[in-house]
Every structure is written in structure tokens, then in C-alpha cells.
């Protein structure tokens, strides 16, 4: 995420993004993917603490090694599914209007 913020800072300072549309789209998609992963893993940590308090008798079954792999794989898959629009529509940061947009640049964004 810090790398993404540094990239946006360089885009804003130069007035254009380095590397063209492909690099811009890849970096934006990775940033959004990592954000989704962070949120889902925080959700699973909260679920872990909730289960430790309220399901203390079944806690060992809910949080063994196999279930950890299941929770982590779920976060990977759900983050990828949530990030499909970023790849499909080409999410990118446009420094001229200081916005993240999907799709092609339209005249209304560049005005």
C-alpha cells in the first residue's frame, strides 16, 4: 500500500503516471487487491477472537491448521473475485483529475 501511495505521489508531482496504462492498471489492481486482503484478514482475526470468547468449547475445531488454510484461501479467492472489475474495466489513476477511473479516458475527465 505504501508503494501505491508513493506511485500516486509521483503521478501527481509529474502530472502524468510512469510506465503507461499497463503499469498503472497493474499497480492500481494490486493496491485494491491488497486492500481487500487486509480487510478480509482483519475480519478473520475478529472472527477468531469472537469464537475464542463465545465458542470456547469448539475453538480448537474452528481454528486448527486446516481451517486456517481454508480461511486464508477464502480471503485470497474473495479478494480476487472482488477485484475482477479492476481488471475488466482497466482501473487506473489519472493525475490530471486526481481520481481513480475505470475504462477509457473520456473528455469529461480531462476537462
C-alpha atoms as a PDB file:
ATOM      1  CA  UNK A   1       0.000   0.000   0.000  1.00  0.00           C
ATOM      2  CA  UNK A   2       2.874   2.357   0.745  1.00  0.00           C
ATOM      3  CA  UNK A   3       4.317   1.643  -2.698  1.00  0.00           C
ATOM      4  CA  UNK A   4       0.955   2.559  -4.214  1.00  0.00           C
ATOM      5  CA  UNK A   5       0.823   5.857  -2.327  1.00  0.00           C
ATOM      6  CA  UNK A   6       4.362   6.676  -3.456  1.00  0.00           C
ATOM      7  CA  UNK A   7       3.367   5.900  -7.056  1.00  0.00           C
ATOM      8  CA  UNK A   8       0.342   8.216  -6.834  1.00  0.00           C
ATOM      9  CA  UNK A   9       2.591  10.906  -5.326  1.00  0.00           C
ATOM     10  CA  UNK A  10       4.973  10.644  -8.281  1.00  0.00           C
ATOM     11  CA  UNK A  11       1.992  10.777 -10.673  1.00  0.00           C
ATOM     12  CA  UNK A  12       0.725  13.940  -9.007  1.00  0.00           C
ATOM     13  CA  UNK A  13       4.158  15.571  -8.911  1.00  0.00           C
ATOM     14  CA  UNK A  14       4.917  14.879 -12.580  1.00  0.00           C
ATOM     15  CA  UNK A  15       1.400  15.425 -13.892  1.00  0.00           C
ATOM     16  CA  UNK A  16       1.443  12.008 -15.567  1.00  0.00           C
ATOM     17  CA  UNK A  17       1.948   8.441 -14.434  1.00  0.00           C
ATOM     18  CA  UNK A  18       5.112   6.493 -15.130  1.00  0.00           C
ATOM     19  CA  UNK A  19       5.046   3.348 -17.213  1.00  0.00           C
ATOM     20  CA  UNK A  20       1.915   3.938 -19.237  1.00  0.00           C
ATOM     21  CA  UNK A  21      -1.531   2.461 -18.869  1.00  0.00           C
ATOM     22  CA  UNK A  22      -0.472  -1.148 -18.301  1.00  0.00           C
ATOM     23  CA  UNK A  23       1.758  -0.378 -15.304  1.00  0.00           C
ATOM     24  CA  UNK A  24      -0.866   1.999 -13.948  1.00  0.00           C
ATOM     25  CA  UNK A  25      -3.618  -0.618 -14.243  1.00  0.00           C
ATOM     26  CA  UNK A  26      -1.475  -3.370 -12.691  1.00  0.00           C
ATOM     27  CA  UNK A  27      -0.414  -1.204  -9.733  1.00  0.00           C
ATOM     28  CA  UNK A  28      -3.961   0.020  -9.092  1.00  0.00           C
ATOM     29  CA  UNK A  29      -5.319  -3.516  -9.235  1.00  0.00           C
ATOM     30  CA  UNK A  30      -2.638  -4.823  -6.863  1.00  0.00           C
ATOM     31  CA  UNK A  31      -3.332  -1.970  -4.449  1.00  0.00           C
ATOM     32  CA  UNK A  32      -7.057  -2.686  -4.404  1.00  0.00           C
ATOM     33  CA  UNK A  33      -6.397  -6.438  -4.085  1.00  0.00           C
ATOM     34  CA  UNK A  34      -4.120  -5.885  -1.090  1.00  0.00           C
ATOM     35  CA  UNK A  35      -6.716  -3.596   0.484  1.00  0.00           C
ATOM     36  CA  UNK A  36      -9.394  -6.291   0.146  1.00  0.00           C
ATOM     37  CA  UNK A  37      -6.982  -8.889   1.569  1.00  0.00           C
ATOM     38  CA  UNK A  38      -6.233  -6.651   4.536  1.00  0.00           C
ATOM     39  CA  UNK A  39      -9.927  -6.119   5.271  1.00  0.00           C
ATOM     40  CA  UNK A  40     -10.775  -9.815   4.991  1.00  0.00           C
ATOM     41  CA  UNK A  41      -7.857 -10.922   7.146  1.00  0.00           C
ATOM     42  CA  UNK A  42      -8.875  -8.366   9.786  1.00  0.00           C
ATOM     43  CA  UNK A  43     -12.374  -9.825   9.608  1.00  0.00           C
ATOM     44  CA  UNK A  44     -10.964 -13.314  10.176  1.00  0.00           C
ATOM     45  CA  UNK A  45      -8.926 -12.113  13.161  1.00  0.00           C
ATOM     46  CA  UNK A  46     -12.110 -10.610  14.603  1.00  0.00           C
ATOM     47  CA  UNK A  47     -13.903 -13.915  13.944  1.00  0.00           C
ATOM     48  CA  UNK A  48     -11.061 -15.707  15.743  1.00  0.00           C
ATOM     49  CA  UNK A  49     -11.401 -13.514  18.837  1.00  0.00           C
ATOM     50  CA  UNK A  50     -15.206 -13.756  18.780  1.00  0.00           C
ATOM     51  CA  UNK A  51     -15.035 -17.544  18.517  1.00  0.00           C
ATOM     52  CA  UNK A  52     -12.498 -17.708  21.355  1.00  0.00           C
ATOM     53  CA  UNK A  53     -14.967 -15.996  23.679  1.00  0.00           C
ATOM     54  CA  UNK A  54     -18.326 -17.385  22.579  1.00  0.00           C
ATOM     55  CA  UNK A  55     -17.403 -20.790  21.119  1.00  0.00           C
ATOM     56  CA  UNK A  56     -14.605 -21.701  23.512  1.00  0.00           C
ATOM     57  CA  UNK A  57     -15.611 -25.377  23.566  1.00  0.00           C
ATOM     58  CA  UNK A  58     -15.342 -25.684  19.760  1.00  0.00           C
ATOM     59  CA  UNK A  59     -12.470 -23.237  19.302  1.00  0.00           C
ATOM     60  CA  UNK A  60      -9.886 -25.953  18.613  1.00  0.00           C
ATOM     61  CA  UNK A  61     -12.021 -27.339  15.790  1.00  0.00           C
ATOM     62  CA  UNK A  62     -12.704 -23.904  14.317  1.00  0.00           C
ATOM     63  CA  UNK A  63      -9.078 -22.751  14.287  1.00  0.00           C
ATOM     64  CA  UNK A  64      -6.788 -25.647  13.558  1.00  0.00           C
ATOM     65  CA  UNK A  65      -4.216 -25.693  10.733  1.00  0.00           C
ATOM     66  CA  UNK A  66      -6.685 -26.975   8.135  1.00  0.00           C
ATOM     67  CA  UNK A  67      -9.231 -24.270   8.923  1.00  0.00           C
ATOM     68  CA  UNK A  68      -6.508 -21.605   8.856  1.00  0.00           C
ATOM     69  CA  UNK A  69      -5.648 -22.664   5.312  1.00  0.00           C
ATOM     70  CA  UNK A  70      -9.361 -22.551   4.454  1.00  0.00           C
ATOM     71  CA  UNK A  71      -9.753 -19.021   5.884  1.00  0.00           C
ATOM     72  CA  UNK A  72      -6.637 -17.758   4.122  1.00  0.00           C
ATOM     73  CA  UNK A  73      -7.624 -19.337   0.799  1.00  0.00           C
ATOM     74  CA  UNK A  74     -11.089 -17.806   1.199  1.00  0.00           C
ATOM     75  CA  UNK A  75      -9.528 -14.373   1.626  1.00  0.00           C
ATOM     76  CA  UNK A  76      -7.374 -14.868  -1.479  1.00  0.00           C
ATOM     77  CA  UNK A  77     -10.300 -16.023  -3.607  1.00  0.00           C
ATOM     78  CA  UNK A  78     -12.793 -13.425  -2.359  1.00  0.00           C
ATOM     79  CA  UNK A  79     -10.268 -10.633  -2.895  1.00  0.00           C
ATOM     80  CA  UNK A  80      -9.649 -11.812  -6.441  1.00  0.00           C
ATOM     81  CA  UNK A  81     -13.389 -12.002  -7.159  1.00  0.00           C
ATOM     82  CA  UNK A  82     -13.977  -8.532  -5.736  1.00  0.00           C
ATOM     83  CA  UNK A  83     -11.129  -7.215  -7.875  1.00  0.00           C
ATOM     84  CA  UNK A  84     -12.460  -8.507 -11.222  1.00  0.00           C
ATOM     85  CA  UNK A  85     -13.925  -5.107 -12.247  1.00  0.00           C
ATOM     86  CA  UNK A  86     -10.476  -3.567 -11.842  1.00  0.00           C
ATOM     87  CA  UNK A  87      -9.051  -5.903 -14.470  1.00  0.00           C
ATOM     88  CA  UNK A  88     -12.117  -5.949 -16.693  1.00  0.00           C
ATOM     89  CA  UNK A  89     -12.577  -2.195 -16.973  1.00  0.00           C
ATOM     90  CA  UNK A  90      -8.953  -1.125 -16.562  1.00  0.00           C
ATOM     91  CA  UNK A  91      -8.866   0.768 -13.261  1.00  0.00           C
ATOM     92  CA  UNK A  92      -6.199   3.489 -13.291  1.00  0.00           C
ATOM     93  CA  UNK A  93      -5.175   6.667 -11.514  1.00  0.00           C
ATOM     94  CA  UNK A  94      -5.453   9.840 -13.604  1.00  0.00           C
ATOM     95  CA  UNK A  95      -3.230  12.589 -12.260  1.00  0.00           C
ATOM     96  CA  UNK A  96      -4.918  15.412 -14.176  1.00  0.00           C
ATOM     97  CA  UNK A  97      -8.227  14.985 -12.388  1.00  0.00           C
ATOM     98  CA  UNK A  98      -6.718  13.292  -9.287  1.00  0.00           C
ATOM     99  CA  UNK A  99      -9.231  10.446  -9.484  1.00  0.00           C
ATOM    100  CA  UNK A 100      -9.278   6.714  -9.952  1.00  0.00           C
ATOM    101  CA  UNK A 101     -11.346   5.836 -13.013  1.00  0.00           C
ATOM    102  CA  UNK A 102     -12.482   2.721 -14.840  1.00  0.00           C
ATOM    103  CA  UNK A 103     -12.276   2.354 -18.608  1.00  0.00           C
ATOM    104  CA  UNK A 104     -11.007   4.705 -21.266  1.00  0.00           C
ATOM    105  CA  UNK A 105     -10.247   8.359 -20.680  1.00  0.00           C
ATOM    106  CA  UNK A 106     -13.190  10.460 -21.671  1.00  0.00           C
ATOM    107  CA  UNK A 107     -13.186  14.183 -22.414  1.00  0.00           C
ATOM    108  CA  UNK A 108     -15.236  14.887 -19.295  1.00  0.00           C
ATOM    109  CA  UNK A 109     -12.427  13.517 -17.084  1.00  0.00           C
ATOM    110  CA  UNK A 110      -9.729  15.530 -18.801  1.00  0.00           C
ATOM    111  CA  UNK A 111     -11.505  18.891 -18.752  1.00  0.00           C
END
